[in-house]
Amino acid sequence: MAKTSVIARSKKEPKFASRVVRRCFKCGRKHGYMRDFDMCRICFRELANEGMIPGIKKSSW
């Protein structure tokens, strides 16, 4: 989990567009972020395995 102050800082409007830091809405992680789902890979996997993300299922072949 990211610190509360770091999450709050990332939500503020940046001075320049290139300074935007996208973070997971659930845990605040910035690495492994997926824009389509607005969350990190770890939270995505947890929610996908629980079936909480519609249209996503674990692949098997």
Protein backbone atom coordinates (compact mmCIF):
# COMPACT_ATOMS: atom_id res chain seq x y z
CA MET A 1 0.00 0.00 0.00
CA ALA A 2 1.19 3.46 -0.88
CA LYS A 3 1.27 6.12 1.81
CA THR A 4 -1.85 8.26 2.11
CA SER A 5 0.15 11.43 1.39
CA VAL A 6 1.54 9.96 -1.85
CA ILE A 7 -1.94 8.98 -3.04
CA ALA A 8 -3.29 12.43 -2.21
CA ARG A 9 -0.41 14.09 -4.09
CA SER A 10 -1.07 11.99 -7.20
CA LYS A 11 -4.75 13.03 -7.23
CA LYS A 12 -3.86 16.73 -7.45
CA GLU A 13 -3.82 18.38 -10.88
CA PRO A 14 -0.17 18.45 -12.05
CA LYS A 15 1.52 21.61 -13.30
CA PHE A 16 2.49 19.86 -16.53
CA ALA A 17 0.68 17.05 -18.35
CA SER A 18 3.81 14.88 -18.44
CA ARG A 19 3.86 14.72 -14.64
CA VAL A 20 0.64 12.71 -14.37
CA VAL A 21 1.13 9.64 -12.19
CA ARG A 22 -1.54 7.01 -12.64
CA ARG A 23 -2.13 4.87 -9.58
CA CYS A 24 -4.32 1.93 -8.71
CA PHE A 25 -7.57 3.16 -7.18
CA LYS A 26 -7.59 0.25 -4.74
CA CYS A 27 -4.06 0.15 -3.30
CA GLY A 28 -2.23 3.18 -4.77
CA ARG A 29 0.47 1.20 -6.57
CA LYS A 30 1.98 2.97 -9.59
CA HIS A 31 3.95 0.17 -11.26
CA GLY A 32 2.12 -2.53 -13.17
CA TYR A 33 -0.82 -0.18 -13.77
CA MET A 34 -3.43 -1.07 -16.41
CA ARG A 35 -5.31 1.92 -17.83
CA ASP A 36 -8.24 -0.12 -19.10
CA PHE A 37 -9.15 -1.20 -15.58
CA ASP A 38 -7.63 1.68 -13.55
CA MET A 39 -5.82 -0.75 -11.27
CA CYS A 40 -2.52 -2.54 -10.81
CA ARG A 41 -1.83 -6.08 -11.95
CA ILE A 42 -2.05 -7.49 -8.43
CA CYS A 43 -5.48 -6.05 -7.64
CA PHE A 44 -6.63 -6.98 -11.14
CA ARG A 45 -5.68 -10.61 -10.59
CA GLU A 46 -7.37 -10.75 -7.18
CA LEU A 47 -10.63 -9.29 -8.48
CA ALA A 48 -10.55 -11.37 -11.68
CA ASN A 49 -10.12 -14.61 -9.73
CA GLU A 50 -13.08 -13.67 -7.53
CA GLY A 51 -15.16 -12.97 -10.66
CA MET A 52 -15.69 -9.31 -9.78
CA ILE A 53 -14.61 -7.96 -13.19
CA PRO A 54 -17.25 -8.62 -15.84
CA GLY A 55 -16.03 -10.23 -19.03
CA ILE A 56 -12.74 -11.47 -17.57
CA LYS A 57 -12.11 -15.14 -16.95
CA LYS A 58 -9.00 -17.18 -16.36
CA SER A 59 -7.74 -18.75 -19.55
CA SER A 60 -7.04 -22.45 -19.88
CA TRP A 61 -6.12 -24.50 -22.93
